[in-house]
C-alpha atoms as a PDB file:
ATOM      1  CA  MET A   1     165.321  27.126 149.551  1.00  0.00           C
ATOM      2  CA  GLU A   2     162.178  25.687 151.127  1.00  0.00           C
ATOM      3  CA  ARG A   3     160.737  29.152 151.646  1.00  0.00           C
ATOM      4  CA  GLY A   4     161.306  30.230 147.980  1.00  0.00           C
ATOM      5  CA  VAL A   5     159.307  27.342 146.489  1.00  0.00           C
ATOM      6  CA  PRO A   6     155.878  28.342 147.866  1.00  0.00           C
ATOM      7  CA  ARG A   7     156.277  31.876 146.569  1.00  0.00           C
ATOM      8  CA  SER A   8     156.617  30.729 142.916  1.00  0.00           C
ATOM      9  CA  LYS A   9     153.420  28.602 142.880  1.00  0.00           C
ATOM     10  CA  PRO A  10     150.814  31.473 142.604  1.00  0.00           C
ATOM     11  CA  ARG A  11     152.390  32.712 139.364  1.00  0.00           C
ATOM     12  CA  LEU A  12     150.887  29.904 137.233  1.00  0.00           C
ATOM     13  CA  PRO A  13     147.218  30.475 138.103  1.00  0.00           C
ATOM     14  CA  SER A  14     147.526  34.232 137.668  1.00  0.00           C
ATOM     15  CA  LEU A  15     149.179  33.799 134.269  1.00  0.00           C
ATOM     16  CA  LEU A  16     146.410  31.469 133.123  1.00  0.00           C
ATOM     17  CA  LEU A  17     143.754  33.925 134.231  1.00  0.00           C
ATOM     18  CA  ALA A  18     145.482  36.737 132.359  1.00  0.00           C
ATOM     19  CA  LEU A  19     145.581  34.686 129.162  1.00  0.00           C
ATOM     20  CA  LEU A  20     141.940  33.720 129.499  1.00  0.00           C
ATOM     21  CA  GLY A  21     140.999  37.345 130.054  1.00  0.00           C
ATOM     22  CA  LEU A  22     142.457  38.330 126.720  1.00  0.00           C
ATOM     23  CA  GLY A  23     139.645  36.510 124.959  1.00  0.00           C
ATOM     24  CA  PRO A  24     139.482  33.680 122.520  1.00  0.00           C
ATOM     25  CA  GLU A  25     140.800  35.891 119.737  1.00  0.00           C
ATOM     26  CA  LEU A  26     144.381  35.825 121.021  1.00  0.00           C
ATOM     27  CA  LEU A  27     144.192  32.221 122.080  1.00  0.00           C
ATOM     28  CA  PHE A  28     143.147  31.072 118.616  1.00  0.00           C
ATOM     29  CA  GLY A  29     145.272  33.550 116.711  1.00  0.00           C
ATOM     30  CA  GLN A  30     142.438  35.953 115.863  1.00  0.00           C
ATOM     31  CA  SER A  31     142.065  39.671 116.739  1.00  0.00           C
ATOM     32  CA  ARG A  32     138.847  41.687 116.772  1.00  0.00           C
ATOM     33  CA  ALA A  33     138.773  44.321 114.053  1.00  0.00           C
ATOM     34  CA  PRO A  34     138.020  47.951 115.033  1.00  0.00           C
ATOM     35  CA  PRO A  35     134.496  49.269 114.301  1.00  0.00           C
ATOM     36  CA  ARG A  36     133.839  50.440 110.791  1.00  0.00           C
ATOM     37  CA  GLN A  37     132.839  54.089 110.569  1.00  0.00           C
ATOM     38  CA  VAL A  38     129.429  54.704 108.989  1.00  0.00           C
ATOM     39  CA  ASN A  39     128.042  58.241 108.473  1.00  0.00           C
ATOM     40  CA  ALA A  40     124.402  58.978 107.731  1.00  0.00           C
ATOM     41  CA  VAL A  41     122.069  61.973 107.387  1.00  0.00           C
ATOM     42  CA  LEU A  42     119.452  62.848 109.964  1.00  0.00           C
ATOM     43  CA  GLY A  43     116.053  61.609 108.781  1.00  0.00           C
ATOM     44  CA  GLY A  44     117.571  59.310 106.158  1.00  0.00           C
ATOM     45  CA  SER A  45     118.369  55.607 106.200  1.00  0.00           C
ATOM     46  CA  VAL A  46     121.505  53.524 106.560  1.00  0.00           C
ATOM     47  CA  LEU A  47     122.485  49.952 105.659  1.00  0.00           C
ATOM     48  CA  LEU A  48     124.757  47.879 107.903  1.00  0.00           C
ATOM     49  CA  ALA A  49     126.198  44.923 105.939  1.00  0.00           C
ATOM     50  CA  PRO A  50     128.782  42.626 107.551  1.00  0.00           C
ATOM     51  CA  SER A  51     131.690  41.254 105.540  1.00  0.00           C
ATOM     52  CA  LEU A  52     131.477  37.483 105.302  1.00  0.00           C
ATOM     53  CA  PRO A  53     134.291  35.089 104.460  1.00  0.00           C
ATOM     54  CA  PRO A  54     133.896  33.265 101.157  1.00  0.00           C
ATOM     55  CA  ASN A  55     132.247  29.864 100.984  1.00  0.00           C
ATOM     56  CA  GLN A  56     130.723  30.154 104.436  1.00  0.00           C
ATOM     57  CA  THR A  57     127.142  29.395 105.396  1.00  0.00           C
ATOM     58  CA  VAL A  58     125.565  31.701 107.946  1.00  0.00           C
ATOM     59  CA  LYS A  59     123.371  30.070 110.563  1.00  0.00           C
ATOM     60  CA  GLU A  60     122.433  33.097 112.647  1.00  0.00           C
ATOM     61  CA  ILE A  61     123.265  36.779 113.210  1.00  0.00           C
ATOM     62  CA  GLU A  62     122.578  38.633 116.422  1.00  0.00           C
ATOM     63  CA  TRP A  63     122.481  42.430 116.258  1.00  0.00           C
ATOM     64  CA  SER A  64     123.172  44.578 119.301  1.00  0.00           C
ATOM     65  CA  PHE A  65     123.354  48.331 119.980  1.00  0.00           C
ATOM     66  CA  SER A  66     125.293  50.423 122.460  1.00  0.00           C
ATOM     67  CA  GLY A  67     124.680  54.151 122.723  1.00  0.00           C
ATOM     68  CA  GLY A  68     127.945  54.816 124.552  1.00  0.00           C
ATOM     69  CA  SER A  69     126.842  55.554 128.092  1.00  0.00           C
ATOM     70  CA  GLY A  70     123.951  53.074 128.106  1.00  0.00           C
ATOM     71  CA  ALA A  71     123.933  49.319 128.310  1.00  0.00           C
ATOM     72  CA  THR A  72     124.244  47.088 125.289  1.00  0.00           C
ATOM     73  CA  ILE A  73     120.875  45.766 124.104  1.00  0.00           C
ATOM     74  CA  GLN A  74     119.986  43.126 121.541  1.00  0.00           C
ATOM     75  CA  VAL A  75     117.874  44.718 118.805  1.00  0.00           C
ATOM     76  CA  ALA A  76     117.429  41.997 116.178  1.00  0.00           C
ATOM     77  CA  GLU A  77     118.089  38.359 115.359  1.00  0.00           C
ATOM     78  CA  VAL A  78     118.226  36.780 111.925  1.00  0.00           C
ATOM     79  CA  GLY A  79     118.035  32.984 111.780  1.00  0.00           C
ATOM     80  CA  PRO A  80     116.093  30.077 110.387  1.00  0.00           C
ATOM     81  CA  GLY A  81     112.880  31.651 111.700  1.00  0.00           C
ATOM     82  CA  GLY A  82     113.493  34.864 109.783  1.00  0.00           C
ATOM     83  CA  PHE A  83     113.811  38.378 111.203  1.00  0.00           C
ATOM     84  CA  GLU A  84     112.898  38.670 114.868  1.00  0.00           C
ATOM     85  CA  ARG A  85     112.829  41.620 117.268  1.00  0.00           C
ATOM     86  CA  PRO A  86     113.438  40.653 120.914  1.00  0.00           C
ATOM     87  CA  ASP A  87     111.905  43.935 122.155  1.00  0.00           C
ATOM     88  CA  PRO A  88     109.733  45.670 119.517  1.00  0.00           C
ATOM     89  CA  ARG A  89     109.097  48.552 121.928  1.00  0.00           C
ATOM     90  CA  ASP A  90     112.729  49.685 122.151  1.00  0.00           C
ATOM     91  CA  ARG A  91     113.894  53.062 120.758  1.00  0.00           C
ATOM     92  CA  PHE A  92     114.020  51.774 117.171  1.00  0.00           C
ATOM     93  CA  GLY A  93     110.411  50.541 117.027  1.00  0.00           C
ATOM     94  CA  ARG A  94     109.443  49.745 113.455  1.00  0.00           C
ATOM     95  CA  ARG A  95     112.444  51.523 111.981  1.00  0.00           C
ATOM     96  CA  LEU A  96     114.557  48.335 111.839  1.00  0.00           C
ATOM     97  CA  GLU A  97     114.149  45.916 108.954  1.00  0.00           C
ATOM     98  CA  MET A  98     116.058  43.089 107.312  1.00  0.00           C
ATOM     99  CA  PHE A  99     117.505  44.135 103.951  1.00  0.00           C
ATOM    100  CA  ASN A 100     118.706  40.620 103.048  1.00  0.00           C
ATOM    101  CA  ALA A 101     119.866  37.515 104.860  1.00  0.00           C
ATOM    102  CA  THR A 102     122.716  39.341 106.601  1.00  0.00           C
ATOM    103  CA  ALA A 103     122.282  43.154 106.271  1.00  0.00           C
ATOM    104  CA  LEU A 104     120.296  45.397 108.614  1.00  0.00           C
ATOM    105  CA  ARG A 105     118.576  48.637 107.521  1.00  0.00           C
ATOM    106  CA  ILE A 106     117.640  51.514 109.832  1.00  0.00           C
ATOM    107  CA  ARG A 107     115.080  54.050 108.545  1.00  0.00           C
ATOM    108  CA  GLU A 108     114.189  57.581 109.664  1.00  0.00           C
ATOM    109  CA  LEU A 109     117.424  58.098 111.542  1.00  0.00           C
ATOM    110  CA  GLN A 110     117.418  60.125 114.749  1.00  0.00           C
ATOM    111  CA  ARG A 111     120.195  61.796 116.703  1.00  0.00           C
ATOM    112  CA  GLY A 112     120.050  59.116 119.389  1.00  0.00           C
ATOM    113  CA  ASP A 113     120.788  56.414 116.822  1.00  0.00           C
ATOM    114  CA  SER A 114     124.469  57.317 116.883  1.00  0.00           C
ATOM    115  CA  GLY A 115     126.428  54.532 118.542  1.00  0.00           C
ATOM    116  CA  VAL A 116     128.022  51.133 118.007  1.00  0.00           C
ATOM    117  CA  PHE A 117     126.055  48.334 116.342  1.00  0.00           C
ATOM    118  CA  GLY A 118     127.475  44.847 116.845  1.00  0.00           C
ATOM    119  CA  ALA A 119     126.876  41.793 114.672  1.00  0.00           C
ATOM    120  CA  ARG A 120     127.708  38.328 116.043  1.00  0.00           C
ATOM    121  CA  ILE A 121     127.754  36.001 113.040  1.00  0.00           C
ATOM    122  CA  LYS A 122     127.463  32.256 113.650  1.00  0.00           C
ATOM    123  CA  MET A 123     128.572  30.130 110.706  1.00  0.00           C
ATOM    124  CA  GLN A 124     128.836  26.458 109.878  1.00  0.00           C
ATOM    125  CA  PRO A 125     130.078  24.297 111.415  1.00  0.00           C
ATOM    126  CA  ALA A 126     130.927  26.202 114.637  1.00  0.00           C
ATOM    127  CA  LEU A 127     132.570  29.508 113.657  1.00  0.00           C
ATOM    128  CA  VAL A 128     131.733  32.830 115.315  1.00  0.00           C
ATOM    129  CA  ASP A 129     132.694  36.209 113.852  1.00  0.00           C
ATOM    130  CA  ASP A 130     132.081  39.506 115.664  1.00  0.00           C
ATOM    131  CA  GLN A 131     131.901  42.707 113.621  1.00  0.00           C
ATOM    132  CA  SER A 132     130.877  46.228 114.685  1.00  0.00           C
ATOM    133  CA  PHE A 133     129.810  49.501 113.059  1.00  0.00           C
ATOM    134  CA  ASN A 134     130.240  52.961 114.560  1.00  0.00           C
ATOM    135  CA  LEU A 135     127.232  54.940 113.281  1.00  0.00           C
ATOM    136  CA  SER A 136     127.327  58.772 113.344  1.00  0.00           C
ATOM    137  CA  VAL A 137     124.201  60.752 112.412  1.00  0.00           C
ATOM    138  CA  TYR A 138     124.702  64.289 111.012  1.00  0.00           C
ATOM    139  CA  GLU A 139     122.394  67.049 109.902  1.00  0.00           C
ATOM    140  CA  SER A 140     121.836  67.626 106.202  1.00  0.00           C
ATOM    141  CA  VAL A 141     124.001  70.383 104.712  1.00  0.00           C
ATOM    142  CA  PRO A 142     121.905  73.356 103.469  1.00  0.00           C
ATOM    143  CA  SER A 143     122.686  75.073 100.196  1.00  0.00           C
ATOM    144  CA  PRO A 144     125.654  77.427 100.657  1.00  0.00           C
ATOM    145  CA  ARG A 145     125.316  81.207 100.580  1.00  0.00           C
ATOM    146  CA  THR A 146     127.365  82.630  97.734  1.00  0.00           C
ATOM    147  CA  ARG A 147     128.195  86.047  96.333  1.00  0.00           C
ATOM    148  CA  SER A 148     130.839  87.578  94.090  1.00  0.00           C
ATOM    149  CA  GLN A 149     132.378  91.041  93.973  1.00  0.00           C
ATOM    150  CA  LEU A 150     134.045  92.392  90.853  1.00  0.00           C
ATOM    151  CA  LEU A 151     136.978  94.497  92.004  1.00  0.00           C
ATOM    152  CA  ALA A 152     138.403  95.443  88.604  1.00  0.00           C
ATOM    153  CA  SER A 153     137.862  94.409  84.999  1.00  0.00           C
ATOM    154  CA  THR A 154     140.240  95.709  82.351  1.00  0.00           C
ATOM    155  CA  LEU A 155     141.604  94.499  79.033  1.00  0.00           C
ATOM    156  CA  GLU A 156     144.491  92.847  80.850  1.00  0.00           C
ATOM    157  CA  TRP A 157     143.078  91.549  84.146  1.00  0.00           C
ATOM    158  CA  CYS A 158     139.870  90.430  85.825  1.00  0.00           C
ATOM    159  CA  ASN A 159     140.135  90.766  89.588  1.00  0.00           C
ATOM    160  CA  LEU A 160     137.223  89.507  91.678  1.00  0.00           C
ATOM    161  CA  THR A 161     136.344  87.900  94.997  1.00  0.00           C
ATOM    162  CA  LEU A 162     134.256  84.724  95.418  1.00  0.00           C
ATOM    163  CA  GLN A 163     132.592  83.990  98.741  1.00  0.00           C
ATOM    164  CA  CYS A 164     130.981  80.719  99.854  1.00  0.00           C
ATOM    165  CA  GLN A 165     129.608  80.079 103.345  1.00  0.00           C
ATOM    166  CA  GLY A 166     127.636  77.328 105.018  1.00  0.00           C
ATOM    167  CA  SER A 167     124.173  78.320 106.230  1.00  0.00           C
ATOM    168  CA  GLY A 168     123.526  75.481 108.684  1.00  0.00           C
ATOM    169  CA  SER A 169     124.076  75.278 112.425  1.00  0.00           C
ATOM    170  CA  GLY A 170     126.506  72.357 112.324  1.00  0.00           C
ATOM    171  CA  ALA A 171     130.201  72.454 111.517  1.00  0.00           C
ATOM    172  CA  VAL A 172     130.976  72.219 107.801  1.00  0.00           C
ATOM    173  CA  ASN A 173     134.089  72.087 105.656  1.00  0.00           C
ATOM    174  CA  VAL A 174     134.553  74.456 102.685  1.00  0.00           C
ATOM    175  CA  THR A 175     136.764  73.453  99.740  1.00  0.00           C
ATOM    176  CA  TRP A 176     137.434  75.067  96.322  1.00  0.00           C
ATOM    177  CA  GLN A 177     138.040  73.537  92.928  1.00  0.00           C
ATOM    178  CA  ARG A 178     138.524  74.868  89.374  1.00  0.00           C
ATOM    179  CA  ASP A 179     137.262  72.478  86.730  1.00  0.00           C
ATOM    180  CA  SER A 180     139.199  69.301  87.596  1.00  0.00           C
ATOM    181  CA  LEU A 181     141.935  71.022  89.625  1.00  0.00           C
ATOM    182  CA  THR A 182     141.809  71.019  93.411  1.00  0.00           C
ATOM    183  CA  TRP A 183     142.982  73.888  95.593  1.00  0.00           C
ATOM    184  CA  GLY A 184     146.440  72.363  96.035  1.00  0.00           C
ATOM    185  CA  GLN A 185     146.880  72.323  92.243  1.00  0.00           C
ATOM    186  CA  LEU A 186     145.714  75.891  91.583  1.00  0.00           C
ATOM    187  CA  GLY A 187     148.735  77.698  92.951  1.00  0.00           C
ATOM    188  CA  THR A 188     148.887  80.863  95.016  1.00  0.00           C
ATOM    189  CA  ALA A 189     150.214  83.247  92.340  1.00  0.00           C
ATOM    190  CA  ARG A 190     146.737  84.195  91.096  1.00  0.00           C
ATOM    191  CA  HIS A 191     144.634  82.819  93.960  1.00  0.00           C
ATOM    192  CA  GLN A 192     144.385  83.952  97.567  1.00  0.00           C
ATOM    193  CA  LEU A 193     142.306  82.032 100.116  1.00  0.00           C
ATOM    194  CA  SER A 194     141.096  83.463 103.407  1.00  0.00           C
ATOM    195  CA  PRO A 195     142.148  81.696 106.638  1.00  0.00           C
ATOM    196  CA  ASP A 196     138.662  80.242 107.188  1.00  0.00           C
ATOM    197  CA  GLY A 197     138.500  79.027 103.577  1.00  0.00           C
ATOM    198  CA  THR A 198     135.234  80.824 102.737  1.00  0.00           C
ATOM    199  CA  THR A 199     136.614  83.636 100.510  1.00  0.00           C
ATOM    200  CA  LEU A 200     138.702  83.166  97.375  1.00  0.00           C
ATOM    201  CA  ARG A 201     140.312  86.080  95.523  1.00  0.00           C
ATOM    202  CA  VAL A 202     141.076  85.439  91.853  1.00  0.00           C
ATOM    203  CA  ALA A 203     143.105  87.495  89.363  1.00  0.00           C
ATOM    204  CA  LEU A 204     143.170  86.172  85.789  1.00  0.00           C
ATOM    205  CA  PRO A 205     143.627  87.644  82.304  1.00  0.00           C
ATOM    206  CA  PRO A 206     140.387  87.826  80.255  1.00  0.00           C
ATOM    207  CA  ALA A 207     141.609  85.057  77.934  1.00  0.00           C
ATOM    208  CA  ALA A 208     141.793  82.626  80.882  1.00  0.00           C
ATOM    209  CA  THR A 209     138.377  83.388  82.412  1.00  0.00           C
ATOM    210  CA  ASN A 210     136.519  80.663  80.507  1.00  0.00           C
ATOM    211  CA  VAL A 211     136.556  78.438  83.596  1.00  0.00           C
ATOM    212  CA  THR A 212     134.172  77.414  86.377  1.00  0.00           C
ATOM    213  CA  TYR A 213     135.017  77.513  90.075  1.00  0.00           C
ATOM    214  CA  ALA A 214     133.227  75.105  92.415  1.00  0.00           C
ATOM    215  CA  CYS A 215     132.705  75.607  96.121  1.00  0.00           C
ATOM    216  CA  THR A 216     131.860  72.484  98.153  1.00  0.00           C
ATOM    217  CA  VAL A 217     130.304  72.742 101.615  1.00  0.00           C
ATOM    218  CA  SER A 218     130.246  69.364 103.363  1.00  0.00           C
ATOM    219  CA  ASN A 219     130.175  67.391 106.575  1.00  0.00           C
ATOM    220  CA  PRO A 220     131.064  63.687 106.931  1.00  0.00           C
ATOM    221  CA  ALA A 221     127.572  62.615 105.754  1.00  0.00           C
ATOM    222  CA  ASP A 222     126.396  65.233 103.225  1.00  0.00           C
ATOM    223  CA  ARG A 223     127.682  67.844 100.771  1.00  0.00           C
ATOM    224  CA  LYS A 224     126.420  70.719  98.605  1.00  0.00           C
ATOM    225  CA  VAL A 225     128.173  72.354  95.631  1.00  0.00           C
ATOM    226  CA  ALA A 226     127.904  75.948  94.297  1.00  0.00           C
ATOM    227  CA  LEU A 227     129.314  77.003  90.908  1.00  0.00           C
ATOM    228  CA  PHE A 228     130.805  80.332  89.739  1.00  0.00           C
ATOM    229  CA  ASP A 229     131.064  81.053  85.994  1.00  0.00           C
ATOM    230  CA  LEU A 230     134.077  83.323  85.909  1.00  0.00           C
ATOM    231  CA  GLN A 231     133.585  84.529  82.322  1.00  0.00           C
ATOM    232  CA  SER A 232     130.050  85.809  82.931  1.00  0.00           C
ATOM    233  CA  LEU A 233     131.135  87.445  86.191  1.00  0.00           C
ATOM    234  CA  CYS A 234     134.001  89.321  84.539  1.00  0.00           C
ATOM    235  CA  GLN A 235     131.908  90.469  81.575  1.00  0.00           C
ATOM    236  CA  GLY A 236     128.635  91.198  83.350  1.00  0.00           C
ATOM    237  CA  GLY A 237     129.923  92.432  86.672  1.00  0.00           C
ATOM    238  CA  GLY A 238     128.503  89.536  88.685  1.00  0.00           C
ATOM    239  CA  GLY A 239     125.619  87.134  88.739  1.00  0.00           C
ATOM    240  CA  PRO A 240     122.364  87.300  90.679  1.00  0.00           C
ATOM    241  CA  SER A 241     124.201  86.949  93.949  1.00  0.00           C
ATOM    242  CA  ALA A 242     126.964  89.430  93.098  1.00  0.00           C
ATOM    243  CA  PHE A 243     127.279  93.042  94.141  1.00  0.00           C
ATOM    244  CA  SER A 244     129.366  95.836  92.636  1.00  0.00           C
ATOM    245  CA  THR A 245     130.336  99.206  94.087  1.00  0.00           C
ATOM    246  CA  SER A 246     130.134 100.888  90.686  1.00  0.00           C
ATOM    247  CA  GLY A 247     126.586  99.580  90.271  1.00  0.00           C
ATOM    248  CA  TYR A 248     125.550 101.165  93.535  1.00  0.00           C
ATOM    249  CA  VAL A 249     127.072 104.504  92.473  1.00  0.00           C
ATOM    250  CA  VAL A 250     125.211 104.536  89.149  1.00  0.00           C
ATOM    251  CA  LEU A 251     121.942 103.640  90.850  1.00  0.00           C
ATOM    252  CA  SER A 252     122.401 106.458  93.370  1.00  0.00           C
ATOM    253  CA  LEU A 253     123.033 108.997  90.593  1.00  0.00           C
ATOM    254  CA  ILE A 254     119.878 107.895  88.769  1.00  0.00           C
ATOM    255  CA  LEU A 255     117.788 108.284  91.915  1.00  0.00           C
ATOM    256  CA  VAL A 256     119.194 111.780  92.562  1.00  0.00           C
ATOM    257  CA  ALA A 257     118.454 112.865  88.958  1.00  0.00           C
ATOM    258  CA  VAL A 258     114.873 111.603  89.188  1.00  0.00           C
ATOM    259  CA  SER A 259     114.349 113.425  92.490  1.00  0.00           C
ATOM    260  CA  LEU A 260     115.666 116.717  91.083  1.00  0.00           C
ATOM    261  CA  GLY A 261     113.506 116.392  87.965  1.00  0.00           C
ATOM    262  CA  GLY A 262     110.391 115.820  90.066  1.00  0.00           C
ATOM    263  CA  ALA A 263     111.139 118.819  92.263  1.00  0.00           C
ATOM    264  CA  PHE A 264     111.662 121.090  89.214  1.00  0.00           C
ATOM    265  CA  TRP A 265     108.392 119.941  87.627  1.00  0.00           C
ATOM    266  CA  CYS A 266     106.445 120.693  90.806  1.00  0.00           C
ATOM    267  CA  TRP A 267     108.026 124.177  91.080  1.00  0.00           C
ATOM    268  CA  ARG A 268     107.196 124.983  87.450  1.00  0.00           C
ATOM    269  CA  ALA A 269     103.567 123.836  87.807  1.00  0.00           C
ATOM    270  CA  ASN A 270     103.093 125.994  90.905  1.00  0.00           C
ATOM    271  CA  SER A 271     104.631 129.020  89.150  1.00  0.00           C
ATOM    272  CA  GLU A 272     102.253 128.698  86.170  1.00  0.00           C
ATOM    273  CA  LYS A 273      99.238 128.472  88.440  1.00  0.00           C
ATOM    274  CA  ALA A 274     100.316 131.607  90.308  1.00  0.00           C
ATOM    275  CA  ALA A 275     100.817 133.548  87.036  1.00  0.00           C
ATOM    276  CA  GLU A 276      97.356 132.597  85.758  1.00  0.00           C
ATOM    277  CA  ALA A 277      95.738 133.690  88.971  1.00  0.00           C
ATOM    278  CA  ALA A 278      97.444 137.107  88.797  1.00  0.00           C
ATOM    279  CA  ALA A 279      96.440 137.731  85.137  1.00  0.00           C
ATOM    280  CA  THR A 280      92.684 137.015  85.622  1.00  0.00           C
ATOM    281  CA  PRO A 281      90.656 140.383  86.219  1.00  0.00           C
ATOM    282  CA  ALA A 282      88.403 140.667  89.206  1.00  0.00           C
ATOM    283  CA  ALA A 283      84.626 140.335  88.523  1.00  0.00           C
ATOM    284  CA  PRO A 284      82.480 143.572  89.089  1.00  0.00           C
ATOM    285  CA  ALA A 285      80.415 143.691  92.189  1.00  0.00           C
ATOM    286  CA  GLU A 286      76.698 142.943  91.575  1.00  0.00           C
ATOM    287  CA  GLU A 287      74.021 145.331  92.749  1.00  0.00           C
ATOM    288  CA  SER A 288      71.811 144.222  95.498  1.00  0.00           C
ATOM    289  CA  PRO A 289      68.320 143.331  94.209  1.00  0.00           C
ATOM    290  CA  GLY A 290      66.801 144.958  97.247  1.00  0.00           C
ATOM    291  CA  GLU A 291      67.951 148.477  96.293  1.00  0.00           C
ATOM    292  CA  ALA A 292      66.460 148.188  92.751  1.00  0.00           C
ATOM    293  CA  GLN A 293      63.081 147.279  94.206  1.00  0.00           C
ATOM    294  CA  TYR A 294      62.998 150.301  96.475  1.00  0.00           C
ATOM    295  CA  SER A 295      64.019 152.736  93.671  1.00  0.00           C
ATOM    296  CA  ASP A 296      61.006 151.762  91.489  1.00  0.00           C
ATOM    297  CA  ILE A 297      58.445 152.713  94.133  1.00  0.00           C
ATOM    298  CA  VAL A 298      56.715 156.161  93.695  1.00  0.00           C
ATOM    299  CA  CYS A 299      54.855 157.496  96.674  1.00  0.00           C
ATOM    300  CA  ARG A 300      51.475 159.251  96.098  1.00  0.00           C
ATOM    301  CA  SER A 301      49.254 160.939  98.675  1.00  0.00           C
ATOM    302  CA  PRO A 302      45.384 160.620  98.647  1.00  0.00           C
ATOM    303  CA  PRO A 303      43.183 163.614  97.529  1.00  0.00           C
ATOM    304  CA  GLU A 304      42.063 166.116 100.194  1.00  0.00           C
ATOM    305  CA  GLY A 305      38.961 168.326 100.784  1.00  0.00           C
ATOM    306  CA  ASN A 306      35.783 168.208  98.627  1.00  0.00           C
ATOM    307  CA  ASP A 307      37.506 167.034  95.512  1.00  0.00           C
ATOM    308  CA  GLN A 308      35.636 163.749  95.223  1.00  0.00           C
ATOM    309  CA  GLY A 309      35.915 163.158  91.479  1.00  0.00           C
ATOM    310  CA  PRO A 310      36.551 159.766  90.088  1.00  0.00           C
ATOM    311  CA  SER A 311      40.043 158.711  90.653  1.00  0.00           C
ATOM    312  CA  PRO A 312      42.182 157.523  87.860  1.00  0.00           C
ATOM    313  CA  ALA A 313      41.845 154.040  89.281  1.00  0.00           C
ATOM    314  CA  GLU A 314      37.990 154.203  88.741  1.00  0.00           C
ATOM    315  CA  ALA A 315      38.223 155.250  85.105  1.00  0.00           C
ATOM    316  CA  PRO A 316      37.798 152.642  82.416  1.00  0.00           C
ATOM    317  CA  GLN A 317      40.973 150.722  81.934  1.00  0.00           C
ATOM    318  CA  GLU A 318      42.557 150.854  78.568  1.00  0.00           C
ATOM    319  CA  PRO A 319      45.010 148.422  77.218  1.00  0.00           C
ATOM    320  CA  SER A 320      48.219 149.210  78.860  1.00  0.00           C
ATOM    321  CA  GLU A 321      51.338 149.744  76.970  1.00  0.00           C
ATOM    322  CA  PRO A 322      54.637 148.438  78.022  1.00  0.00           C
ATOM    323  CA  GLN A 323      55.870 150.367  80.948  1.00  0.00           C
ATOM    324  CA  LYS A 324      58.625 152.800  80.371  1.00  0.00           C
ATOM    325  CA  PRO A 325      61.041 153.844  82.980  1.00  0.00           C
ATOM    326  CA  GLU A 326      59.618 156.762  84.945  1.00  0.00           C
ATOM    327  CA  THR A 327      61.535 159.954  85.178  1.00  0.00           C
ATOM    328  CA  PRO A 328      61.595 161.672  88.495  1.00  0.00           C
ATOM    329  CA  ALA A 329      59.024 164.551  88.730  1.00  0.00           C
ATOM    330  CA  PRO A 330      60.353 168.097  89.212  1.00  0.00           C
ATOM    331  CA  LYS A 331      60.159 169.415  92.683  1.00  0.00           C
ATOM    332  CA  SER A 332      57.157 171.737  93.354  1.00  0.00           C
ATOM    333  CA  SER A 333      57.147 174.795  95.483  1.00  0.00           C
ATOM    334  CA  PRO A 334      56.043 174.565  99.056  1.00  0.00           C
ATOM    335  CA  GLY A 335      52.300 174.370  99.408  1.00  0.00           C
ATOM    336  CA  GLY A 336      51.670 173.384  95.775  1.00  0.00           C
ATOM    337  CA  ASP A 337      51.633 169.662  96.342  1.00  0.00           C
ATOM    338  CA  GLU A 338      47.839 169.520  96.378  1.00  0.00           C
ATOM    339  CA  GLN A 339      47.372 171.313  93.048  1.00  0.00           C
ATOM    340  CA  GLY A 340      50.056 169.402  91.261  1.00  0.00           C
ATOM    341  CA  GLN A 341      48.630 166.117  92.421  1.00  0.00           C
ATOM    342  CA  ARG A 342      44.859 166.938  91.719  1.00  0.00           C
ATOM    343  CA  PRO A 343      43.504 164.968  88.779  1.00  0.00           C
ATOM    344  CA  PRO A 344      41.946 166.778  85.757  1.00  0.00           C
ATOM    345  CA  GLU A 345      38.371 166.178  86.910  1.00  0.00           C
ATOM    346  CA  ASP A 346      37.342 169.901  87.360  1.00  0.00           C
ATOM    347  CA  THR A 347      38.213 170.765  83.818  1.00  0.00           C
ATOM    348  CA  ALA A 348      35.833 168.164  82.507  1.00  0.00           C
ATOM    349  CA  GLU A 349      32.934 169.572  84.589  1.00  0.00           C
ATOM    350  CA  GLU A 350      33.304 173.181  83.251  1.00  0.00           C
ATOM    351  CA  VAL A 351      33.130 172.095  79.666  1.00  0.00           C
ATOM    352  CA  THR A 352      29.808 170.400  80.191  1.00  0.00           C
END
C-alpha cells in the first residue's frame, strides 16, 4: 500500500501539462478553424479579409506568412499607427498594402506567394481571434483549342464531333454544357463523351440543332469558355476551326482539274508553234557581193609595136551615157588579139 501511493503522484502534473499543451482554445471552449482556401491567378492580385464578430472593435491585427517549409515571418501590422511593415525588404516588398482597416491586399502575385497567411486579431477589451488563409497561385488558363468535324448531315440526322482542349502547360478541367443544361442533364442517348472529356460526339435531328454547346476549360483560379453553334455547323459543314473530309476531296479534285488544264494548254501552244515553223518557206541564199565585183572587170592589154596613136583615153571626153551591161566579146582566133584590140587610129590617117 505504501509503495503504490508514490506511483500515482506523477499522473497529475503530466495531465496538467497535456491540457496546457492543447492550447487556450480547448481550455476556454474555443477551437481554431481550418484555413480558408483562396485561389488566385499568377500576376494578379488577391484580397485577404478576416471575418469579424459583430459589434466588436478591432485594436490590432498582425499578419504572418508561412511558405510551408520555411519559418513563419511577420509581414504586416495594422494598428493605431496605421499600416506598418516590420521588414520592408522581405519577399513581398511593396506588393503588400492595406485595403481597409482589416483586409490585406497582395499585388503582382508570384509562384512563391503560395502558402498560409495568418491574421491574429486583437479586439476590445481583451479578445484574440486567430484566422488563416491558404493561398494557392495558379497560371492563367489560355483560350482553348477547338475544332468540329461534320460526320454526316442528312434530312433526318446531323452527326458531328466537337473537340475542346486546353493549350496551357498546367492541369485543366474540361466540362461541357448545352444552353443551361450540364453534362449530367444531357443524357447519353445522343451524346458520347471521350474518357478524357475533350471530345463530344453529338447526333441530333435538324429540327433540334438550334442550340449552342459550351466548352469550359478551367483550373481552380481561372476559366475560359468556347462556344459551338450547332445549327451553323450542321448547315455549313463547320466553322472556321472545323474540317470536313468531303471538303478536302472537292479541293483535291479542283486542283487536279486545274493542273490538267494547264498541261493541255502548254501542249497545244507548243504544237501550234511547231506547225508554224514547218509551214514557213526557207529564204533563198544571197549571192556573195565579192563574186559580182569580179565579174564586172574586163581585162585589156596595152598596145604593142609602133602603133603610138592616141589612145581612147586621150581623146576628148564626151558626156557619158548610162552604162549598159557589157556583153562578153567573141573569142578571136589565135594570134589575132593584137588586131582586134588595135584602135581605129590608122584609118583616120589614110583619109587625110
